[in-house]
């Protein structure tokens, strides 16, 4: 259009997003961590947290989606409700 500047119009595509980013959006970090209970003895004893949960243990490794789904299937694992780990997963 005459007299209109197109200098601020993007000319490249944005980077592709992962499935986690599509579901969670950009405002929340993606990922999950597992807080092991009873000193980490035995499978499936723990609390599953969203990575941005304030109750998540510091330094716990971030789980991939597959690891998180596997961990959530153990009968002794419960899902934290503070940051909606179940809804996020």
PDB file of N, CA and C in Angstrom:
ATOM      1  N   UNK A   1       0.850  -1.163   0.000  1.00  0.00           N
ATOM      2  CA  UNK A   1       0.000   0.000   0.000  1.00  0.00           C
ATOM      3  C   UNK A   1       0.902   1.234   0.000  1.00  0.00           C
ATOM      4  N   UNK A   2       0.561   2.180  -0.738  1.00  0.00           N
ATOM      5  CA  UNK A   2       1.368   3.396  -0.787  1.00  0.00           C
ATOM      6  C   UNK A   2       1.416   4.086   0.579  1.00  0.00           C
ATOM      7  N   UNK A   3       2.632   4.484   0.992  1.00  0.00           N
ATOM      8  CA  UNK A   3       2.817   5.209   2.243  1.00  0.00           C
ATOM      9  C   UNK A   3       2.893   4.333   3.479  1.00  0.00           C
ATOM     10  N   UNK A   4       2.822   3.003   3.363  1.00  0.00           N
ATOM     11  CA  UNK A   4       2.878   2.084   4.501  1.00  0.00           C
ATOM     12  C   UNK A   4       4.229   1.379   4.495  1.00  0.00           C
ATOM     13  N   UNK A   5       4.898   1.373   5.648  1.00  0.00           N
ATOM     14  CA  UNK A   5       6.197   0.724   5.761  1.00  0.00           C
ATOM     15  C   UNK A   5       6.010  -0.746   6.145  1.00  0.00           C
ATOM     16  N   UNK A   6       6.736  -1.590   5.454  1.00  0.00           N
ATOM     17  CA  UNK A   6       6.700  -3.025   5.755  1.00  0.00           C
ATOM     18  C   UNK A   6       8.001  -3.479   6.414  1.00  0.00           C
ATOM     19  N   UNK A   7       8.751  -2.545   6.985  1.00  0.00           N
ATOM     20  CA  UNK A   7      10.048  -2.861   7.600  1.00  0.00           C
ATOM     21  C   UNK A   7       9.922  -3.808   8.788  1.00  0.00           C
ATOM     22  N   UNK A   8       8.824  -3.753   9.528  1.00  0.00           N
ATOM     23  CA  UNK A   8       8.670  -4.586  10.723  1.00  0.00           C
ATOM     24  C   UNK A   8       7.984  -5.920  10.450  1.00  0.00           C
ATOM     25  N   UNK A   9       7.701  -6.218   9.213  1.00  0.00           N
ATOM     26  CA  UNK A   9       7.053  -7.482   8.861  1.00  0.00           C
ATOM     27  C   UNK A   9       8.109  -8.583   8.829  1.00  0.00           C
ATOM     28  N   UNK A  10       7.913  -9.680   9.604  1.00  0.00           N
ATOM     29  CA  UNK A  10       8.905 -10.768   9.599  1.00  0.00           C
ATOM     30  C   UNK A  10       9.030 -11.388   8.214  1.00  0.00           C
ATOM     31  N   UNK A  11      10.250 -11.729   7.860  1.00  0.00           N
ATOM     32  CA  UNK A  11      10.490 -12.333   6.544  1.00  0.00           C
ATOM     33  C   UNK A  11      11.003 -13.757   6.652  1.00  0.00           C
ATOM     34  N   UNK A  12      11.082 -14.285   7.870  1.00  0.00           N
ATOM     35  CA  UNK A  12      11.513 -15.673   8.040  1.00  0.00           C
ATOM     36  C   UNK A  12      10.508 -16.397   8.936  1.00  0.00           C
ATOM     37  N   UNK A  13      10.505 -17.715   8.799  1.00  0.00           N
ATOM     38  CA  UNK A  13       9.588 -18.526   9.608  1.00  0.00           C
ATOM     39  C   UNK A  13      10.124 -18.651  11.033  1.00  0.00           C
ATOM     40  N   UNK A  14       9.226 -18.724  12.029  1.00  0.00           N
ATOM     41  CA  UNK A  14       9.681 -18.965  13.398  1.00  0.00           C
ATOM     42  C   UNK A  14      10.189 -20.397  13.522  1.00  0.00           C
ATOM     43  N   UNK A  15      11.060 -20.662  14.503  1.00  0.00           N
ATOM     44  CA  UNK A  15      11.550 -22.036  14.668  1.00  0.00           C
ATOM     45  C   UNK A  15      10.410 -22.985  15.022  1.00  0.00           C
ATOM     46  N   UNK A  16      10.500 -24.256  14.609  1.00  0.00           N
ATOM     47  CA  UNK A  16       9.427 -25.215  14.930  1.00  0.00           C
ATOM     48  C   UNK A  16       9.340 -25.442  16.438  1.00  0.00           C
ATOM     49  N   UNK A  17       8.137 -25.716  16.905  1.00  0.00           N
ATOM     50  CA  UNK A  17       7.940 -25.986  18.326  1.00  0.00           C
ATOM     51  C   UNK A  17       7.793 -27.480  18.545  1.00  0.00           C
ATOM     52  N   UNK A  18       8.169 -27.910  19.738  1.00  0.00           N
ATOM     53  CA  UNK A  18       8.004 -29.312  20.102  1.00  0.00           C
ATOM     54  C   UNK A  18       6.557 -29.542  20.532  1.00  0.00           C
ATOM     55  N   UNK A  19       6.163 -30.785  20.651  1.00  0.00           N
ATOM     56  CA  UNK A  19       4.818 -31.121  21.110  1.00  0.00           C
ATOM     57  C   UNK A  19       4.584 -30.567  22.513  1.00  0.00           C
ATOM     58  N   UNK A  20       5.600 -30.659  23.377  1.00  0.00           N
ATOM     59  CA  UNK A  20       5.472 -30.129  24.735  1.00  0.00           C
ATOM     60  C   UNK A  20       5.219 -28.627  24.712  1.00  0.00           C
ATOM     61  N   UNK A  21       5.958 -27.893  23.865  1.00  0.00           N
ATOM     62  CA  UNK A  21       5.772 -26.449  23.779  1.00  0.00           C
ATOM     63  C   UNK A  21       4.388 -26.099  23.241  1.00  0.00           C
ATOM     64  N   UNK A  22       3.886 -26.897  22.305  1.00  0.00           N
ATOM     65  CA  UNK A  22       2.555 -26.644  21.763  1.00  0.00           C
ATOM     66  C   UNK A  22       1.498 -26.815  22.841  1.00  0.00           C
ATOM     67  N   UNK A  23       1.665 -27.813  23.703  1.00  0.00           N
ATOM     68  CA  UNK A  23       0.685 -28.087  24.753  1.00  0.00           C
ATOM     69  C   UNK A  23       0.813 -27.085  25.901  1.00  0.00           C
ATOM     70  N   UNK A  24       2.052 -26.854  26.361  1.00  0.00           N
ATOM     71  CA  UNK A  24       2.273 -26.016  27.529  1.00  0.00           C
ATOM     72  C   UNK A  24       2.324 -24.532  27.218  1.00  0.00           C
ATOM     73  N   UNK A  25       2.664 -24.185  25.993  1.00  0.00           N
ATOM     74  CA  UNK A  25       2.838 -22.788  25.651  1.00  0.00           C
ATOM     75  C   UNK A  25       4.232 -22.313  26.030  1.00  0.00           C
ATOM     76  N   UNK A  26       4.526 -21.096  25.708  1.00  0.00           N
ATOM     77  CA  UNK A  26       5.862 -20.559  25.943  1.00  0.00           C
ATOM     78  C   UNK A  26       6.060 -20.040  27.355  1.00  0.00           C
ATOM     79  N   UNK A  27       4.992 -19.798  28.093  1.00  0.00           N
ATOM     80  CA  UNK A  27       5.143 -19.161  29.398  1.00  0.00           C
ATOM     81  C   UNK A  27       5.565 -20.129  30.489  1.00  0.00           C
ATOM     82  N   UNK A  28       5.386 -21.405  30.282  1.00  0.00           N
ATOM     83  CA  UNK A  28       5.810 -22.389  31.285  1.00  0.00           C
ATOM     84  C   UNK A  28       6.948 -23.212  30.735  1.00  0.00           C
ATOM     85  N   UNK A  29       7.972 -23.436  31.548  1.00  0.00           N
ATOM     86  CA  UNK A  29       9.025 -24.337  31.073  1.00  0.00           C
ATOM     87  C   UNK A  29       8.479 -25.753  30.961  1.00  0.00           C
ATOM     88  N   UNK A  30       8.950 -26.482  29.989  1.00  0.00           N
ATOM     89  CA  UNK A  30       8.447 -27.837  29.800  1.00  0.00           C
ATOM     90  C   UNK A  30       9.336 -28.837  30.517  1.00  0.00           C
ATOM     91  N   UNK A  31       8.737 -29.925  30.923  1.00  0.00           N
ATOM     92  CA  UNK A  31       9.481 -31.007  31.542  1.00  0.00           C
ATOM     93  C   UNK A  31       8.914 -31.393  32.890  1.00  0.00           C
ATOM     94  N   UNK A  32       9.437 -32.474  33.402  1.00  0.00           N
ATOM     95  CA  UNK A  32       8.971 -33.036  34.661  1.00  0.00           C
ATOM     96  C   UNK A  32      10.161 -33.574  35.424  1.00  0.00           C
ATOM     97  N   UNK A  33      10.024 -33.639  36.731  1.00  0.00           N
ATOM     98  CA  UNK A  33      11.047 -34.239  37.590  1.00  0.00           C
ATOM     99  C   UNK A  33      10.364 -35.195  38.557  1.00  0.00           C
ATOM    100  N   UNK A  34      11.118 -36.168  39.022  1.00  0.00           N
ATOM    101  CA  UNK A  34      10.601 -37.158  39.960  1.00  0.00           C
ATOM    102  C   UNK A  34      11.325 -37.003  41.287  1.00  0.00           C
ATOM    103  N   UNK A  35      10.565 -36.769  42.342  1.00  0.00           N
ATOM    104  CA  UNK A  35      11.106 -36.701  43.697  1.00  0.00           C
ATOM    105  C   UNK A  35      10.999 -38.094  44.289  1.00  0.00           C
ATOM    106  N   UNK A  36      12.140 -38.729  44.505  1.00  0.00           N
ATOM    107  CA  UNK A  36      12.122 -40.090  45.044  1.00  0.00           C
ATOM    108  C   UNK A  36      11.906 -40.052  46.545  1.00  0.00           C
ATOM    109  N   UNK A  37      11.043 -40.955  47.020  1.00  0.00           N
ATOM    110  CA  UNK A  37      10.753 -41.067  48.444  1.00  0.00           C
ATOM    111  C   UNK A  37      11.456 -42.294  49.013  1.00  0.00           C
ATOM    112  N   UNK A  38      11.524 -42.375  50.315  1.00  0.00           N
ATOM    113  CA  UNK A  38      12.159 -43.506  51.007  1.00  0.00           C
ATOM    114  C   UNK A  38      13.608 -43.679  50.574  1.00  0.00           C
ATOM    115  N   UNK A  39      14.295 -42.578  50.348  1.00  0.00           N
ATOM    116  CA  UNK A  39      15.703 -42.658  49.959  1.00  0.00           C
ATOM    117  C   UNK A  39      15.908 -43.223  48.567  1.00  0.00           C
ATOM    118  N   UNK A  40      14.880 -43.265  47.754  1.00  0.00           N
ATOM    119  CA  UNK A  40      15.010 -43.766  46.390  1.00  0.00           C
ATOM    120  C   UNK A  40      15.027 -45.274  46.286  1.00  0.00           C
ATOM    121  N   UNK A  41      14.702 -45.971  47.379  1.00  0.00           N
ATOM    122  CA  UNK A  41      14.694 -47.444  47.343  1.00  0.00           C
ATOM    123  C   UNK A  41      13.398 -47.942  46.737  1.00  0.00           C
ATOM    124  N   UNK A  42      13.505 -48.863  45.837  1.00  0.00           N
ATOM    125  CA  UNK A  42      12.330 -49.484  45.241  1.00  0.00           C
ATOM    126  C   UNK A  42      11.759 -48.667  44.103  1.00  0.00           C
ATOM    127  N   UNK A  43      11.171 -49.370  43.140  1.00  0.00           N
ATOM    128  CA  UNK A  43      10.602 -48.671  41.990  1.00  0.00           C
ATOM    129  C   UNK A  43       9.285 -47.989  42.340  1.00  0.00           C
ATOM    130  N   UNK A  44       9.037 -46.891  41.704  1.00  0.00           N
ATOM    131  CA  UNK A  44       7.735 -46.262  41.783  1.00  0.00           C
ATOM    132  C   UNK A  44       7.395 -45.573  43.079  1.00  0.00           C
ATOM    133  N   UNK A  45       8.367 -45.264  43.923  1.00  0.00           N
ATOM    134  CA  UNK A  45       8.081 -44.561  45.168  1.00  0.00           C
ATOM    135  C   UNK A  45       8.515 -43.116  45.011  1.00  0.00           C
ATOM    136  N   UNK A  46       7.572 -42.240  44.694  1.00  0.00           N
ATOM    137  CA  UNK A  46       7.958 -40.854  44.535  1.00  0.00           C
ATOM    138  C   UNK A  46       6.794 -39.950  44.200  1.00  0.00           C
ATOM    139  N   UNK A  47       7.136 -38.688  44.037  1.00  0.00           N
ATOM    140  CA  UNK A  47       6.165 -37.666  43.664  1.00  0.00           C
ATOM    141  C   UNK A  47       6.640 -37.049  42.356  1.00  0.00           C
ATOM    142  N   UNK A  48       5.755 -36.987  41.435  1.00  0.00           N
ATOM    143  CA  UNK A  48       6.022 -36.509  40.090  1.00  0.00           C
ATOM    144  C   UNK A  48       5.629 -35.035  40.021  1.00  0.00           C
ATOM    145  N   UNK A  49       6.589 -34.149  39.678  1.00  0.00           N
ATOM    146  CA  UNK A  49       6.364 -32.697  39.658  1.00  0.00           C
ATOM    147  C   UNK A  49       6.565 -32.131  38.258  1.00  0.00           C
ATOM    148  N   UNK A  50       5.843 -31.059  37.943  1.00  0.00           N
ATOM    149  CA  UNK A  50       6.177 -30.249  36.773  1.00  0.00           C
ATOM    150  C   UNK A  50       7.510 -29.580  37.087  1.00  0.00           C
ATOM    151  N   UNK A  51       8.316 -29.316  36.072  1.00  0.00           N
ATOM    152  CA  UNK A  51       9.663 -28.804  36.286  1.00  0.00           C
ATOM    153  C   UNK A  51       9.664 -27.439  36.981  1.00  0.00           C
ATOM    154  N   UNK A  52       8.597 -26.654  36.857  1.00  0.00           N
ATOM    155  CA  UNK A  52       8.553 -25.342  37.494  1.00  0.00           C
ATOM    156  C   UNK A  52       7.862 -25.353  38.857  1.00  0.00           C
ATOM    157  N   UNK A  53       7.596 -26.524  39.398  1.00  0.00           N
ATOM    158  CA  UNK A  53       6.945 -26.645  40.706  1.00  0.00           C
ATOM    159  C   UNK A  53       7.921 -26.243  41.811  1.00  0.00           C
ATOM    160  N   UNK A  54       7.441 -25.421  42.738  1.00  0.00           N
ATOM    161  CA  UNK A  54       8.319 -24.988  43.823  1.00  0.00           C
ATOM    162  C   UNK A  54       8.648 -26.121  44.798  1.00  0.00           C
ATOM    163  N   UNK A  55       7.887 -27.207  44.790  1.00  0.00           N
ATOM    164  CA  UNK A  55       8.176 -28.354  45.644  1.00  0.00           C
ATOM    165  C   UNK A  55       9.084 -29.385  44.972  1.00  0.00           C
ATOM    166  N   UNK A  56       9.422 -29.175  43.708  1.00  0.00           N
ATOM    167  CA  UNK A  56      10.303 -30.112  43.002  1.00  0.00           C
ATOM    168  C   UNK A  56      11.693 -30.056  43.626  1.00  0.00           C
ATOM    169  N   UNK A  57      12.356 -31.196  43.759  1.00  0.00           N
ATOM    170  CA  UNK A  57      13.680 -31.207  44.371  1.00  0.00           C
ATOM    171  C   UNK A  57      14.710 -30.491  43.493  1.00  0.00           C
ATOM    172  N   UNK A  58      15.548 -29.697  44.140  1.00  0.00           N
ATOM    173  CA  UNK A  58      16.602 -28.982  43.416  1.00  0.00           C
ATOM    174  C   UNK A  58      17.616 -29.984  42.867  1.00  0.00           C
ATOM    175  N   UNK A  59      18.005 -29.804  41.639  1.00  0.00           N
ATOM    176  CA  UNK A  59      19.019 -30.656  41.028  1.00  0.00           C
ATOM    177  C   UNK A  59      18.508 -31.976  40.488  1.00  0.00           C
ATOM    178  N   UNK A  60      17.208 -32.227  40.588  1.00  0.00           N
ATOM    179  CA  UNK A  60      16.662 -33.476  40.038  1.00  0.00           C
ATOM    180  C   UNK A  60      16.729 -33.412  38.516  1.00  0.00           C
ATOM    181  N   UNK A  61      17.079 -34.529  37.877  1.00  0.00           N
ATOM    182  CA  UNK A  61      17.177 -34.498  36.412  1.00  0.00           C
ATOM    183  C   UNK A  61      15.802 -34.318  35.764  1.00  0.00           C
ATOM    184  N   UNK A  62      15.783 -33.559  34.696  1.00  0.00           N
ATOM    185  CA  UNK A  62      14.554 -33.338  33.940  1.00  0.00           C
ATOM    186  C   UNK A  62      14.264 -34.581  33.105  1.00  0.00           C
ATOM    187  N   UNK A  63      13.031 -35.052  33.164  1.00  0.00           N
ATOM    188  CA  UNK A  63      12.630 -36.256  32.438  1.00  0.00           C
ATOM    189  C   UNK A  63      12.098 -35.897  31.056  1.00  0.00           C
ATOM    190  N   UNK A  64      12.333 -36.775  30.108  1.00  0.00           N
ATOM    191  CA  UNK A  64      11.716 -36.618  28.795  1.00  0.00           C
ATOM    192  C   UNK A  64      10.247 -37.018  28.923  1.00  0.00           C
ATOM    193  N   UNK A  65       9.470 -36.766  27.894  1.00  0.00           N
ATOM    194  CA  UNK A  65       8.065 -37.141  27.922  1.00  0.00           C
ATOM    195  C   UNK A  65       7.901 -38.641  28.135  1.00  0.00           C
ATOM    196  N   UNK A  66       8.686 -39.458  27.439  1.00  0.00           N
ATOM    197  CA  UNK A  66       8.612 -40.914  27.601  1.00  0.00           C
ATOM    198  C   UNK A  66       8.973 -41.359  29.008  1.00  0.00           C
ATOM    199  N   UNK A  67      10.032 -40.788  29.574  1.00  0.00           N
ATOM    200  CA  UNK A  67      10.427 -41.121  30.941  1.00  0.00           C
ATOM    201  C   UNK A  67       9.346 -40.700  31.935  1.00  0.00           C
ATOM    202  N   UNK A  68       8.748 -39.547  31.705  1.00  0.00           N
ATOM    203  CA  UNK A  68       7.703 -39.067  32.600  1.00  0.00           C
ATOM    204  C   UNK A  68       6.479 -39.981  32.564  1.00  0.00           C
ATOM    205  N   UNK A  69       6.095 -40.409  31.372  1.00  0.00           N
ATOM    206  CA  UNK A  69       4.955 -41.329  31.263  1.00  0.00           C
ATOM    207  C   UNK A  69       5.248 -42.661  31.937  1.00  0.00           C
ATOM    208  N   UNK A  70       6.472 -43.171  31.772  1.00  0.00           N
ATOM    209  CA  UNK A  70       6.864 -44.421  32.436  1.00  0.00           C
ATOM    210  C   UNK A  70       6.816 -44.261  33.952  1.00  0.00           C
ATOM    211  N   UNK A  71       7.354 -43.150  34.461  1.00  0.00           N
ATOM    212  CA  UNK A  71       7.380 -42.922  35.907  1.00  0.00           C
ATOM    213  C   UNK A  71       5.971 -42.775  36.468  1.00  0.00           C
ATOM    214  N   UNK A  72       5.087 -42.125  35.717  1.00  0.00           N
ATOM    215  CA  UNK A  72       3.724 -41.904  36.185  1.00  0.00           C
ATOM    216  C   UNK A  72       2.906 -43.197  36.245  1.00  0.00           C
ATOM    217  N   UNK A  73       3.329 -44.233  35.526  1.00  0.00           N
ATOM    218  CA  UNK A  73       2.592 -45.499  35.522  1.00  0.00           C
ATOM    219  C   UNK A  73       2.823 -46.335  36.769  1.00  0.00           C
ATOM    220  N   UNK A  74       3.889 -46.083  37.513  1.00  0.00           N
ATOM    221  CA  UNK A  74       4.167 -46.885  38.709  1.00  0.00           C
ATOM    222  C   UNK A  74       3.097 -46.623  39.769  1.00  0.00           C
ATOM    223  N   UNK A  75       2.560 -47.696  40.383  1.00  0.00           N
ATOM    224  CA  UNK A  75       1.481 -47.521  41.354  1.00  0.00           C
ATOM    225  C   UNK A  75       1.880 -46.721  42.589  1.00  0.00           C
ATOM    226  N   UNK A  76       3.153 -46.706  42.952  1.00  0.00           N
ATOM    227  CA  UNK A  76       3.594 -45.965  44.139  1.00  0.00           C
ATOM    228  C   UNK A  76       3.920 -44.513  43.863  1.00  0.00           C
ATOM    229  N   UNK A  77       3.799 -44.086  42.641  1.00  0.00           N
ATOM    230  CA  UNK A  77       4.109 -42.702  42.289  1.00  0.00           C
ATOM    231  C   UNK A  77       2.825 -41.889  42.282  1.00  0.00           C
ATOM    232  N   UNK A  78       2.874 -40.759  42.973  1.00  0.00           N
ATOM    233  CA  UNK A  78       1.709 -39.868  42.938  1.00  0.00           C
ATOM    234  C   UNK A  78       2.080 -38.598  42.192  1.00  0.00           C
ATOM    235  N   UNK A  79       1.091 -37.916  41.675  1.00  0.00           N
ATOM    236  CA  UNK A  79       1.311 -36.714  40.886  1.00  0.00           C
ATOM    237  C   UNK A  79       1.036 -35.481  41.754  1.00  0.00           C
ATOM    238  N   UNK A  80       1.975 -34.576  41.780  1.00  0.00           N
ATOM    239  CA  UNK A  80       1.830 -33.333  42.542  1.00  0.00           C
ATOM    240  C   UNK A  80       0.710 -32.498  41.919  1.00  0.00           C
ATOM    241  N   UNK A  81      -0.104 -31.914  42.769  1.00  0.00           N
ATOM    242  CA  UNK A  81      -1.206 -31.083  42.272  1.00  0.00           C
ATOM    243  C   UNK A  81      -0.893 -29.593  42.351  1.00  0.00           C
ATOM    244  N   UNK A  82       0.237 -29.219  42.974  1.00  0.00           N
ATOM    245  CA  UNK A  82       0.561 -27.810  43.143  1.00  0.00           C
ATOM    246  C   UNK A  82       0.686 -27.080  41.812  1.00  0.00           C
ATOM    247  N   UNK A  83       1.417 -27.639  40.869  1.00  0.00           N
ATOM    248  CA  UNK A  83       1.569 -27.038  39.538  1.00  0.00           C
ATOM    249  C   UNK A  83       0.885 -27.871  38.462  1.00  0.00           C
ATOM    250  N   UNK A  84       0.001 -28.767  38.872  1.00  0.00           N
ATOM    251  CA  UNK A  84      -0.794 -29.527  37.915  1.00  0.00           C
ATOM    252  C   UNK A  84       0.013 -30.506  37.092  1.00  0.00           C
ATOM    253  N   UNK A  85       0.852 -31.311  37.729  1.00  0.00           N
ATOM    254  CA  UNK A  85       1.672 -32.282  36.989  1.00  0.00           C
ATOM    255  C   UNK A  85       0.809 -33.216  36.156  1.00  0.00           C
ATOM    256  N   UNK A  86      -0.325 -33.638  36.680  1.00  0.00           N
ATOM    257  CA  UNK A  86      -1.200 -34.538  35.945  1.00  0.00           C
ATOM    258  C   UNK A  86      -1.782 -33.848  34.709  1.00  0.00           C
ATOM    259  N   UNK A  87      -2.202 -32.597  34.876  1.00  0.00           N
ATOM    260  CA  UNK A  87      -2.775 -31.878  33.751  1.00  0.00           C
ATOM    261  C   UNK A  87      -1.703 -31.593  32.698  1.00  0.00           C
ATOM    262  N   UNK A  88      -0.497 -31.261  33.145  1.00  0.00           N
ATOM    263  CA  UNK A  88       0.596 -30.970  32.232  1.00  0.00           C
ATOM    264  C   UNK A  88       0.957 -32.209  31.437  1.00  0.00           C
ATOM    265  N   UNK A  89       1.011 -33.355  32.122  1.00  0.00           N
ATOM    266  CA  UNK A  89       1.367 -34.607  31.458  1.00  0.00           C
ATOM    267  C   UNK A  89       0.249 -35.043  30.549  1.00  0.00           C
TER     268      UNK A  89
END
